[in-house]
C-alpha atoms as a PDB file:
ATOM      1  CA  MET A   1     -41.967   5.474  14.479  1.00  0.00           C
ATOM      2  CA  TYR A   2     -39.561   7.805  16.331  1.00  0.00           C
ATOM      3  CA  ARG A   3     -35.851   7.523  16.129  1.00  0.00           C
ATOM      4  CA  VAL A   4     -33.782   8.353  19.181  1.00  0.00           C
ATOM      5  CA  LEU A   5     -30.528  10.107  18.270  1.00  0.00           C
ATOM      6  CA  SER A   6     -27.490  10.192  20.691  1.00  0.00           C
ATOM      7  CA  ARG A   7     -25.621  13.290  21.616  1.00  0.00           C
ATOM      8  CA  PRO A   8     -23.056  14.488  19.020  1.00  0.00           C
ATOM      9  CA  VAL A   9     -19.695  13.319  20.165  1.00  0.00           C
ATOM     10  CA  ALA A  10     -17.385  13.748  17.201  1.00  0.00           C
ATOM     11  CA  ALA A  11     -16.821  16.343  14.333  1.00  0.00           C
ATOM     12  CA  LEU A  12     -18.683  14.211  11.805  1.00  0.00           C
ATOM     13  CA  THR A  13     -21.939  14.252  13.882  1.00  0.00           C
ATOM     14  CA  VAL A  14     -21.504  17.895  14.175  1.00  0.00           C
ATOM     15  CA  VAL A  15     -21.635  17.956  10.374  1.00  0.00           C
ATOM     16  CA  LEU A  16     -24.758  16.025  10.346  1.00  0.00           C
ATOM     17  CA  LEU A  17     -26.472  18.365  12.997  1.00  0.00           C
ATOM     18  CA  CYS A  18     -25.316  21.624  11.219  1.00  0.00           C
ATOM     19  CA  VAL A  19     -27.027  20.359   8.052  1.00  0.00           C
ATOM     20  CA  GLY A  20     -30.447  21.183   9.401  1.00  0.00           C
ATOM     21  CA  ALA A  21     -29.126  24.769   9.955  1.00  0.00           C
ATOM     22  CA  ALA A  22     -28.145  25.122   6.369  1.00  0.00           C
ATOM     23  CA  VAL A  23     -31.658  24.927   4.788  1.00  0.00           C
ATOM     24  CA  LEU A  24     -32.610  27.912   2.804  1.00  0.00           C
ATOM     25  CA  ARG A  25     -36.075  28.843   1.585  1.00  0.00           C
ATOM     26  CA  ASN A  26     -36.436  30.437  -1.791  1.00  0.00           C
ATOM     27  CA  GLY A  27     -40.134  30.371  -2.137  1.00  0.00           C
ATOM     28  CA  GLU A  28     -40.299  27.373  -4.352  1.00  0.00           C
ATOM     29  CA  GLU A  29     -38.319  24.720  -2.526  1.00  0.00           C
ATOM     30  CA  SER A  30     -35.941  23.815   0.216  1.00  0.00           C
ATOM     31  CA  LYS A  31     -32.269  24.046  -0.764  1.00  0.00           C
ATOM     32  CA  ILE A  32     -29.500  22.842   1.214  1.00  0.00           C
ATOM     33  CA  ARG A  33     -26.165  25.071   1.177  1.00  0.00           C
ATOM     34  CA  ALA A  34     -23.044  23.333   0.520  1.00  0.00           C
ATOM     35  CA  PHE A  35     -21.846  23.636   4.030  1.00  0.00           C
ATOM     36  CA  GLY A  36     -21.163  27.474   4.043  1.00  0.00           C
ATOM     37  CA  PRO A  37     -19.343  28.578   7.044  1.00  0.00           C
ATOM     38  CA  LEU A  38     -19.017  25.145   8.174  1.00  0.00           C
ATOM     39  CA  SER A  39     -16.818  24.399   5.261  1.00  0.00           C
ATOM     40  CA  ALA A  40     -14.362  27.208   6.319  1.00  0.00           C
ATOM     41  CA  ASN A  41     -14.286  25.916   9.826  1.00  0.00           C
ATOM     42  CA  LEU A  42     -13.602  22.302   8.652  1.00  0.00           C
ATOM     43  CA  ALA A  43     -10.793  23.591   6.318  1.00  0.00           C
ATOM     44  CA  LYS A  44      -9.208  25.505   9.290  1.00  0.00           C
ATOM     45  CA  GLY A  45      -9.213  22.489  11.396  1.00  0.00           C
ATOM     46  CA  ALA A  46      -7.895  20.253   8.668  1.00  0.00           C
ATOM     47  CA  GLU A  47      -5.068  22.853   7.895  1.00  0.00           C
ATOM     48  CA  ALA A  48      -4.222  22.971  11.579  1.00  0.00           C
ATOM     49  CA  SER A  49      -3.842  19.125  11.758  1.00  0.00           C
ATOM     50  CA  ASP A  50      -2.157  18.970   8.392  1.00  0.00           C
ATOM     51  CA  ALA A  51       1.110  20.202   9.407  1.00  0.00           C
ATOM     52  CA  ASN A  52       1.227  17.963  12.382  1.00  0.00           C
ATOM     53  CA  ASP A  53       0.027  14.650  10.736  1.00  0.00           C
ATOM     54  CA  HIS A  54      -0.497  14.558   7.078  1.00  0.00           C
ATOM     55  CA  GLY A  55       2.973  15.301   6.105  1.00  0.00           C
ATOM     56  CA  ALA A  56       4.378  12.785   8.441  1.00  0.00           C
ATOM     57  CA  VAL A  57       2.022  10.113   6.943  1.00  0.00           C
ATOM     58  CA  GLU A  58       3.013  10.989   3.329  1.00  0.00           C
ATOM     59  CA  ALA A  59       6.701  10.898   4.193  1.00  0.00           C
ATOM     60  CA  SER A  60       6.166   7.464   5.823  1.00  0.00           C
ATOM     61  CA  ALA A  61       4.243   6.103   2.792  1.00  0.00           C
ATOM     62  CA  ALA A  62       6.927   7.315   0.504  1.00  0.00           C
ATOM     63  CA  GLN A  63       9.445   4.908   2.153  1.00  0.00           C
ATOM     64  CA  ASP A  64       9.782   1.366   1.129  1.00  0.00           C
ATOM     65  CA  ASP A  65       7.328  -0.469   3.156  1.00  0.00           C
ATOM     66  CA  SER A  66       8.789  -4.026   2.330  1.00  0.00           C
ATOM     67  CA  LEU A  67       5.374  -5.302   1.058  1.00  0.00           C
ATOM     68  CA  PRO A  68       5.403  -7.360  -2.022  1.00  0.00           C
ATOM     69  CA  LYS A  69       4.654  -5.532  -5.383  1.00  0.00           C
ATOM     70  CA  PRO A  70       2.985  -8.022  -7.635  1.00  0.00           C
ATOM     71  CA  GLY A  71       2.846  -5.648 -10.543  1.00  0.00           C
ATOM     72  CA  PHE A  72       0.098  -4.850 -13.033  1.00  0.00           C
ATOM     73  CA  THR A  73       0.180  -5.032 -16.739  1.00  0.00           C
ATOM     74  CA  PHE A  74      -2.193  -3.533 -19.170  1.00  0.00           C
ATOM     75  CA  GLU A  75      -3.544  -6.248 -21.706  1.00  0.00           C
ATOM     76  CA  HIS A  76      -5.452  -5.127 -24.686  1.00  0.00           C
ATOM     77  CA  GLY A  77      -8.993  -6.448 -24.596  1.00  0.00           C
ATOM     78  CA  THR A  78      -9.140  -7.577 -21.052  1.00  0.00           C
ATOM     79  CA  THR A  79      -8.048  -4.312 -19.001  1.00  0.00           C
ATOM     80  CA  ALA A  80     -10.581  -1.643 -18.384  1.00  0.00           C
ATOM     81  CA  LEU A  81     -10.669   1.769 -16.436  1.00  0.00           C
ATOM     82  CA  VAL A  82     -13.483   1.894 -13.805  1.00  0.00           C
ATOM     83  CA  VAL A  83     -14.271   5.335 -12.370  1.00  0.00           C
ATOM     84  CA  THR A  84     -16.460   5.794  -9.479  1.00  0.00           C
ATOM     85  CA  ASP A  85     -18.679   8.936  -8.803  1.00  0.00           C
ATOM     86  CA  PRO A  86     -17.388  11.307 -11.390  1.00  0.00           C
ATOM     87  CA  GLN A  87     -20.256  13.604 -10.442  1.00  0.00           C
ATOM     88  CA  ASN A  88     -20.834  17.320  -9.536  1.00  0.00           C
ATOM     89  CA  ASP A  89     -21.712  16.850  -5.846  1.00  0.00           C
ATOM     90  CA  PHE A  90     -18.154  15.691  -5.265  1.00  0.00           C
ATOM     91  CA  LEU A  91     -16.048  17.297  -7.844  1.00  0.00           C
ATOM     92  CA  SER A  92     -17.648  20.748  -8.489  1.00  0.00           C
ATOM     93  CA  GLU A  93     -17.016  23.714  -6.189  1.00  0.00           C
ATOM     94  CA  ASP A  94     -20.688  24.025  -6.148  1.00  0.00           C
ATOM     95  CA  GLY A  95     -21.327  20.428  -5.118  1.00  0.00           C
ATOM     96  CA  VAL A  96     -22.737  19.694  -1.728  1.00  0.00           C
ATOM     97  CA  ALA A  97     -19.640  17.641  -0.511  1.00  0.00           C
ATOM     98  CA  TRP A  98     -16.953  20.298  -1.785  1.00  0.00           C
ATOM     99  CA  GLY A  99     -16.462  21.579   1.810  1.00  0.00           C
ATOM    100  CA  LEU A 100     -15.321  18.056   2.749  1.00  0.00           C
ATOM    101  CA  VAL A 101     -13.380  16.816  -0.356  1.00  0.00           C
ATOM    102  CA  GLY A 102     -12.405  20.023  -2.059  1.00  0.00           C
ATOM    103  CA  LYS A 103      -8.850  20.307  -0.510  1.00  0.00           C
ATOM    104  CA  SER A 104      -7.962  16.805  -1.283  1.00  0.00           C
ATOM    105  CA  VAL A 105      -9.422  17.045  -4.762  1.00  0.00           C
ATOM    106  CA  ARG A 106      -7.220  20.306  -5.365  1.00  0.00           C
ATOM    107  CA  LYS A 107      -4.169  18.783  -3.796  1.00  0.00           C
ATOM    108  CA  ASN A 108      -4.123  15.581  -5.898  1.00  0.00           C
ATOM    109  CA  ASP A 109      -5.355  17.406  -9.092  1.00  0.00           C
ATOM    110  CA  THR A 110      -8.025  14.725  -9.141  1.00  0.00           C
ATOM    111  CA  ILE A 111     -10.058  16.281 -11.941  1.00  0.00           C
ATOM    112  CA  GLY A 112      -6.955  16.897 -14.104  1.00  0.00           C
ATOM    113  CA  ASN A 113      -5.781  13.395 -13.592  1.00  0.00           C
ATOM    114  CA  LEU A 114      -9.209  11.740 -14.363  1.00  0.00           C
ATOM    115  CA  ILE A 115      -9.073  13.691 -17.557  1.00  0.00           C
ATOM    116  CA  ARG A 116      -5.650  12.310 -18.336  1.00  0.00           C
ATOM    117  CA  LEU A 117      -6.867   8.831 -17.683  1.00  0.00           C
ATOM    118  CA  PHE A 118     -10.031   9.293 -19.909  1.00  0.00           C
ATOM    119  CA  ARG A 119      -7.940  10.667 -22.716  1.00  0.00           C
ATOM    120  CA  ALA A 120      -5.256   7.980 -22.513  1.00  0.00           C
ATOM    121  CA  THR A 121      -7.831   5.107 -22.333  1.00  0.00           C
ATOM    122  CA  LYS A 122      -9.879   6.234 -25.101  1.00  0.00           C
ATOM    123  CA  ASP A 123      -6.926   6.981 -27.370  1.00  0.00           C
ATOM    124  CA  ALA A 124      -5.783   3.391 -26.523  1.00  0.00           C
ATOM    125  CA  GLY A 125      -9.133   1.736 -27.205  1.00  0.00           C
ATOM    126  CA  MET A 126      -9.354   0.604 -23.624  1.00  0.00           C
ATOM    127  CA  PRO A 127     -12.854   0.079 -22.409  1.00  0.00           C
ATOM    128  CA  VAL A 128     -14.106   2.634 -19.779  1.00  0.00           C
ATOM    129  CA  PHE A 129     -16.816   1.926 -17.105  1.00  0.00           C
ATOM    130  CA  ILE A 130     -18.529   4.478 -14.909  1.00  0.00           C
ATOM    131  CA  SER A 131     -20.055   3.261 -11.542  1.00  0.00           C
ATOM    132  CA  PRO A 132     -22.491   6.172 -10.525  1.00  0.00           C
ATOM    133  CA  HIS A 133     -24.167   6.920  -7.357  1.00  0.00           C
ATOM    134  CA  TYR A 134     -27.853   8.143  -7.501  1.00  0.00           C
ATOM    135  CA  TYR A 135     -30.629   8.395  -4.693  1.00  0.00           C
ATOM    136  CA  TYR A 136     -34.282   8.416  -5.566  1.00  0.00           C
ATOM    137  CA  PRO A 137     -37.136   9.445  -3.335  1.00  0.00           C
ATOM    138  CA  CYS A 138     -37.490   5.682  -2.174  1.00  0.00           C
ATOM    139  CA  ASP A 139     -33.928   5.685  -0.776  1.00  0.00           C
ATOM    140  CA  HIS A 140     -34.932   8.400   1.483  1.00  0.00           C
ATOM    141  CA  LYS A 141     -37.274   6.150   3.278  1.00  0.00           C
ATOM    142  CA  TRP A 142     -34.799   3.763   4.749  1.00  0.00           C
ATOM    143  CA  HIS A 143     -35.438   2.727   8.474  1.00  0.00           C
ATOM    144  CA  PHE A 144     -31.648   3.095   9.406  1.00  0.00           C
ATOM    145  CA  GLU A 145     -28.289   4.443   7.846  1.00  0.00           C
ATOM    146  CA  GLY A 146     -24.646   4.558   8.635  1.00  0.00           C
ATOM    147  CA  ALA A 147     -22.972   7.918   9.422  1.00  0.00           C
ATOM    148  CA  LEU A 148     -22.192   8.758   6.029  1.00  0.00           C
ATOM    149  CA  GLU A 149     -25.422   7.523   4.448  1.00  0.00           C
ATOM    150  CA  GLU A 150     -27.228   9.944   6.778  1.00  0.00           C
ATOM    151  CA  LEU A 151     -24.911  12.690   5.900  1.00  0.00           C
ATOM    152  CA  MET A 152     -25.570  12.173   2.254  1.00  0.00           C
ATOM    153  CA  HIS A 153     -29.183  11.832   2.557  1.00  0.00           C
ATOM    154  CA  GLY A 154     -29.361  15.012   4.631  1.00  0.00           C
ATOM    155  CA  ILE A 155     -27.528  17.125   2.177  1.00  0.00           C
ATOM    156  CA  ARG A 156     -29.534  15.617  -0.683  1.00  0.00           C
ATOM    157  CA  MET A 157     -26.435  14.294  -2.300  1.00  0.00           C
ATOM    158  CA  TYR A 158     -26.885  12.704  -5.828  1.00  0.00           C
ATOM    159  CA  ASP A 159     -30.505  13.160  -5.721  1.00  0.00           C
ATOM    160  CA  ARG A 160     -32.927  12.516  -8.629  1.00  0.00           C
ATOM    161  CA  PRO A 161     -36.653  12.426  -8.883  1.00  0.00           C
ATOM    162  CA  GLY A 162     -36.761   8.888 -10.024  1.00  0.00           C
ATOM    163  CA  PRO A 163     -34.792   6.430 -12.020  1.00  0.00           C
ATOM    164  CA  LEU A 164     -36.755   7.038 -15.124  1.00  0.00           C
ATOM    165  CA  ASP A 165     -37.046  10.756 -14.510  1.00  0.00           C
ATOM    166  CA  LEU A 166     -34.329  13.075 -15.736  1.00  0.00           C
ATOM    167  CA  THR A 167     -35.989  16.319 -14.921  1.00  0.00           C
ATOM    168  CA  GLY A 168     -33.459  18.791 -13.629  1.00  0.00           C
ATOM    169  CA  PHE A 169     -30.527  16.208 -14.078  1.00  0.00           C
ATOM    170  CA  GLU A 170     -28.601  18.467 -16.358  1.00  0.00           C
ATOM    171  CA  GLY A 171     -26.048  20.497 -14.267  1.00  0.00           C
ATOM    172  CA  SER A 172     -27.260  18.942 -10.955  1.00  0.00           C
ATOM    173  CA  GLY A 173     -25.076  17.475  -8.335  1.00  0.00           C
ATOM    174  CA  ALA A 174     -25.941  13.887  -9.792  1.00  0.00           C
ATOM    175  CA  ASP A 175     -24.743  14.891 -13.272  1.00  0.00           C
ATOM    176  CA  TRP A 176     -21.234  14.334 -14.575  1.00  0.00           C
ATOM    177  CA  LEU A 177     -18.648  17.038 -14.296  1.00  0.00           C
ATOM    178  CA  ASP A 178     -18.783  19.041 -17.325  1.00  0.00           C
ATOM    179  CA  ALA A 179     -15.187  18.369 -18.195  1.00  0.00           C
ATOM    180  CA  PHE A 180     -15.913  14.579 -18.124  1.00  0.00           C
ATOM    181  CA  LYS A 181     -18.818  14.779 -20.466  1.00  0.00           C
ATOM    182  CA  PRO A 182     -16.850  14.307 -23.822  1.00  0.00           C
ATOM    183  CA  TYR A 183     -15.469  11.147 -22.621  1.00  0.00           C
ATOM    184  CA  ILE A 184     -18.451   9.688 -20.829  1.00  0.00           C
ATOM    185  CA  ASN A 185     -21.252  10.758 -23.284  1.00  0.00           C
ATOM    186  CA  ASP A 186     -19.328   9.426 -26.441  1.00  0.00           C
ATOM    187  CA  GLY A 187     -21.606   6.505 -26.928  1.00  0.00           C
ATOM    188  CA  GLU A 188     -18.693   3.939 -25.937  1.00  0.00           C
ATOM    189  CA  THR A 189     -18.313   4.334 -22.217  1.00  0.00           C
ATOM    190  CA  ILE A 190     -20.564   1.795 -20.384  1.00  0.00           C
ATOM    191  CA  VAL A 191     -22.554   3.306 -17.433  1.00  0.00           C
ATOM    192  CA  SER A 192     -23.583   0.841 -14.988  1.00  0.00           C
ATOM    193  CA  SER A 193     -26.661   0.961 -12.843  1.00  0.00           C
ATOM    194  CA  PRO A 194     -26.006   3.045  -9.627  1.00  0.00           C
ATOM    195  CA  HIS A 195     -24.560   1.612  -6.449  1.00  0.00           C
ATOM    196  CA  LYS A 196     -26.373   2.718  -3.465  1.00  0.00           C
ATOM    197  CA  LEU A 197     -23.767   2.639  -0.436  1.00  0.00           C
ATOM    198  CA  PHE A 198     -20.290   2.270  -1.307  1.00  0.00           C
ATOM    199  CA  GLY A 199     -19.400  -0.958  -3.255  1.00  0.00           C
ATOM    200  CA  PRO A 200     -20.732  -2.450  -6.571  1.00  0.00           C
ATOM    201  CA  GLN A 201     -22.667  -5.092  -4.741  1.00  0.00           C
ATOM    202  CA  THR A 202     -25.863  -3.269  -5.350  1.00  0.00           C
ATOM    203  CA  ASN A 203     -25.170  -2.443  -9.190  1.00  0.00           C
ATOM    204  CA  ASP A 204     -24.586  -4.273 -12.272  1.00  0.00           C
ATOM    205  CA  LEU A 205     -20.893  -3.282 -12.781  1.00  0.00           C
ATOM    206  CA  VAL A 206     -19.491  -6.914 -12.247  1.00  0.00           C
ATOM    207  CA  LEU A 207     -21.969  -8.228 -14.881  1.00  0.00           C
ATOM    208  CA  GLN A 208     -20.991  -5.612 -17.366  1.00  0.00           C
ATOM    209  CA  LEU A 209     -17.143  -6.216 -16.889  1.00  0.00           C
ATOM    210  CA  ARG A 210     -17.654  -9.824 -17.202  1.00  0.00           C
ATOM    211  CA  LYS A 211     -19.901  -9.674 -20.393  1.00  0.00           C
ATOM    212  CA  ARG A 212     -17.065  -7.561 -21.929  1.00  0.00           C
ATOM    213  CA  GLY A 213     -14.410 -10.051 -21.043  1.00  0.00           C
ATOM    214  CA  ILE A 214     -12.590  -8.001 -18.638  1.00  0.00           C
ATOM    215  CA  GLY A 215     -10.548  -9.446 -16.017  1.00  0.00           C
ATOM    216  CA  LYS A 216      -8.181  -6.621 -15.005  1.00  0.00           C
ATOM    217  CA  VAL A 217      -9.282  -3.095 -13.698  1.00  0.00           C
ATOM    218  CA  LEU A 218      -7.598   0.244 -13.288  1.00  0.00           C
ATOM    219  CA  LEU A 219      -9.647   2.059 -10.585  1.00  0.00           C
ATOM    220  CA  ALA A 220     -10.053   5.829 -10.099  1.00  0.00           C
ATOM    221  CA  GLY A 221     -12.782   8.275  -9.000  1.00  0.00           C
ATOM    222  CA  MET A 222     -14.485   9.384  -5.754  1.00  0.00           C
ATOM    223  CA  SER A 223     -14.280   9.014  -2.845  1.00  0.00           C
ATOM    224  CA  ALA A 224     -11.101   7.299  -2.245  1.00  0.00           C
ATOM    225  CA  ASN A 225     -11.762   5.598   1.196  1.00  0.00           C
ATOM    226  CA  LEU A 226     -15.326   4.989   0.609  1.00  0.00           C
ATOM    227  CA  CYS A 227     -16.641   4.141  -2.970  1.00  0.00           C
ATOM    228  CA  THR A 228     -13.282   3.603  -4.580  1.00  0.00           C
ATOM    229  CA  GLU A 229     -11.710   1.474  -1.811  1.00  0.00           C
ATOM    230  CA  SER A 230     -15.209  -0.440  -1.625  1.00  0.00           C
ATOM    231  CA  HIS A 231     -15.030  -1.146  -5.256  1.00  0.00           C
ATOM    232  CA  LEU A 232     -11.402  -2.361  -5.143  1.00  0.00           C
ATOM    233  CA  ARG A 233     -12.375  -4.759  -2.214  1.00  0.00           C
ATOM    234  CA  HIS A 234     -15.340  -6.156  -3.904  1.00  0.00           C
ATOM    235  CA  LEU A 235     -13.872  -6.429  -7.333  1.00  0.00           C
ATOM    236  CA  GLN A 236     -11.032  -8.451  -5.849  1.00  0.00           C
ATOM    237  CA  GLU A 237     -13.339 -10.737  -4.061  1.00  0.00           C
ATOM    238  CA  GLU A 238     -14.958 -11.257  -7.465  1.00  0.00           C
ATOM    239  CA  GLY A 239     -11.544 -12.431  -8.980  1.00  0.00           C
ATOM    240  CA  PHE A 240     -10.662  -9.330 -10.733  1.00  0.00           C
ATOM    241  CA  GLU A 241      -6.947  -7.979 -10.722  1.00  0.00           C
ATOM    242  CA  VAL A 242      -7.256  -4.390  -9.560  1.00  0.00           C
ATOM    243  CA  ALA A 243      -4.741  -1.495  -9.704  1.00  0.00           C
ATOM    244  CA  VAL A 244      -5.369   1.926  -8.388  1.00  0.00           C
ATOM    245  CA  ALA A 245      -4.491   5.359  -9.792  1.00  0.00           C
ATOM    246  CA  TRP A 246      -4.166   7.007  -6.340  1.00  0.00           C
ATOM    247  CA  ASP A 247      -3.975  10.642  -7.405  1.00  0.00           C
ATOM    248  CA  ALA A 248      -7.126  10.356  -9.623  1.00  0.00           C
ATOM    249  CA  THR A 249      -9.111  10.008  -6.363  1.00  0.00           C
ATOM    250  CA  GLY A 250      -9.852  12.342  -3.539  1.00  0.00           C
ATOM    251  CA  ALA A 251     -11.370  11.944  -0.021  1.00  0.00           C
ATOM    252  CA  ALA A 252     -12.982  13.796   2.883  1.00  0.00           C
ATOM    253  CA  GLN A 253     -10.734  15.339   5.312  1.00  0.00           C
ATOM    254  CA  LEU A 254     -11.992  16.536   8.758  1.00  0.00           C
ATOM    255  CA  PRO A 255     -10.006  17.230  11.981  1.00  0.00           C
ATOM    256  CA  ASN A 256      -8.537  13.770  13.020  1.00  0.00           C
ATOM    257  CA  LEU A 257     -10.312  12.123  10.184  1.00  0.00           C
ATOM    258  CA  ASP A 258      -8.190  11.913   6.943  1.00  0.00           C
ATOM    259  CA  GLY A 259      -9.910   9.873   4.411  1.00  0.00           C
ATOM    260  CA  MET A 260      -7.190  10.297   1.770  1.00  0.00           C
ATOM    261  CA  ALA A 261      -4.414   9.112   4.252  1.00  0.00           C
ATOM    262  CA  ALA A 262      -6.462   5.976   5.091  1.00  0.00           C
ATOM    263  CA  ALA A 263      -7.164   5.224   1.528  1.00  0.00           C
ATOM    264  CA  LYS A 264      -3.538   5.328   0.493  1.00  0.00           C
ATOM    265  CA  VAL A 265      -2.592   3.015   3.243  1.00  0.00           C
ATOM    266  CA  ASN A 266      -5.397   0.383   2.164  1.00  0.00           C
ATOM    267  CA  PHE A 267      -4.771   0.775  -1.678  1.00  0.00           C
ATOM    268  CA  ARG A 268      -1.107  -0.204  -0.888  1.00  0.00           C
ATOM    269  CA  MET A 269      -2.004  -3.243   1.182  1.00  0.00           C
ATOM    270  CA  LEU A 270      -4.822  -4.390  -1.138  1.00  0.00           C
ATOM    271  CA  ALA A 271      -4.281  -3.474  -4.626  1.00  0.00           C
ATOM    272  CA  THR A 272      -2.215  -5.303  -7.165  1.00  0.00           C
ATOM    273  CA  GLU A 273      -0.394  -2.024  -7.948  1.00  0.00           C
ATOM    274  CA  VAL A 274      -0.884   1.417  -6.928  1.00  0.00           C
ATOM    275  CA  PHE A 275       0.015   3.988  -9.679  1.00  0.00           C
ATOM    276  CA  THR A 276       0.292   7.627  -9.876  1.00  0.00           C
ATOM    277  CA  THR A 277      -1.693   8.944 -12.982  1.00  0.00           C
ATOM    278  CA  GLU A 278       1.504   9.687 -14.806  1.00  0.00           C
ATOM    279  CA  GLU A 279       2.743   6.050 -14.430  1.00  0.00           C
ATOM    280  CA  ALA A 280      -0.647   4.647 -15.485  1.00  0.00           C
ATOM    281  CA  VAL A 281      -0.847   6.801 -18.519  1.00  0.00           C
ATOM    282  CA  ARG A 282       2.664   5.783 -19.536  1.00  0.00           C
ATOM    283  CA  HIS A 283       1.807   2.163 -19.010  1.00  0.00           C
ATOM    284  CA  ILE A 284      -1.336   2.398 -21.211  1.00  0.00           C
ATOM    285  CA  GLY A 285       0.699   3.952 -23.938  1.00  0.00           C
ATOM    286  CA  ASP A 286       3.192   1.328 -23.701  1.00  0.00           C
ATOM    287  CA  SER A 287       0.482  -1.354 -23.954  1.00  0.00           C
ATOM    288  CA  VAL A 288      -0.762   0.270 -27.166  1.00  0.00           C
ATOM    289  CA  GLY A 289       2.687  -0.124 -28.724  1.00  0.00           C
ATOM    290  CA  SER A 290       2.994  -3.630 -27.522  1.00  0.00           C
ATOM    291  CA  ASN A 291      -0.469  -4.616 -29.123  1.00  0.00           C
ATOM    292  CA  SER A 292       0.650  -3.049 -32.429  1.00  0.00           C
ATOM    293  CA  ARG A 293       3.778  -5.088 -32.430  1.00  0.00           C
ATOM    294  CA  GLU A 294       1.926  -8.371 -31.798  1.00  0.00           C
ATOM    295  CA  ASN A 295      -0.586  -7.585 -34.463  1.00  0.00           C
ATOM    296  CA  ALA A 296       2.270  -7.062 -36.855  1.00  0.00           C
ATOM    297  CA  LYS A 297       3.848 -10.485 -36.276  1.00  0.00           C
END
């Protein structure tokens, strides 16, 4: 079967076409460079548009938008932290998507903020769930894909040799960022089966949350306007109360396409509460004190 591709008409499509030119041969296998010169070009374009657009978006977002603020309380035993895709391909400078998300990750201090959330929730005894993203050889045989699916498959993002095969996993793009491993690999964190597109409809996260008696979720991770936002939407549809730590996320930024700005708008419109990491950590600490007082009665 042959597929007919239309001419590239946008920057994202240019990314897809440039992937083919990034393949290098090392004598053993084909590797795909993490964007290389393309990353620099994208960064320059993003910086050029940043002064005109991004500052105005953030200034507007800081104003009172008149939407209701329902509020979110952290309740011991029924509230959990859910982190999407805390993996190298997004969060390592060597990751294949760093050229798209790196600027946002640095600006938000996403890695530092995720560590703060991991530390606070572990100290508080709050359950932590990870919803990872993996692709196996069978996933590369799909007959059709969306734009970013095709991009992710083209750059071999999150690739593993098979669901029961961990060959080459350590340190790969699919592996956890090293800084997160003490918190994820502690024997207590629940790692769900992988989601395949963006939301948790294709994994067992909802089941795992229900079986632990969780009804409230603090959401963080990558990428803000894709997997994180899709998890927000689906968890709400499943009846969970969901808050987001917005600066513990990051997103792709292309000329005229700012995933972080899009996510912040939708987080505000959808979530029960949108926290900074500092606010979330403070509330988590307060919930520990409140629970101790209740137990003392």
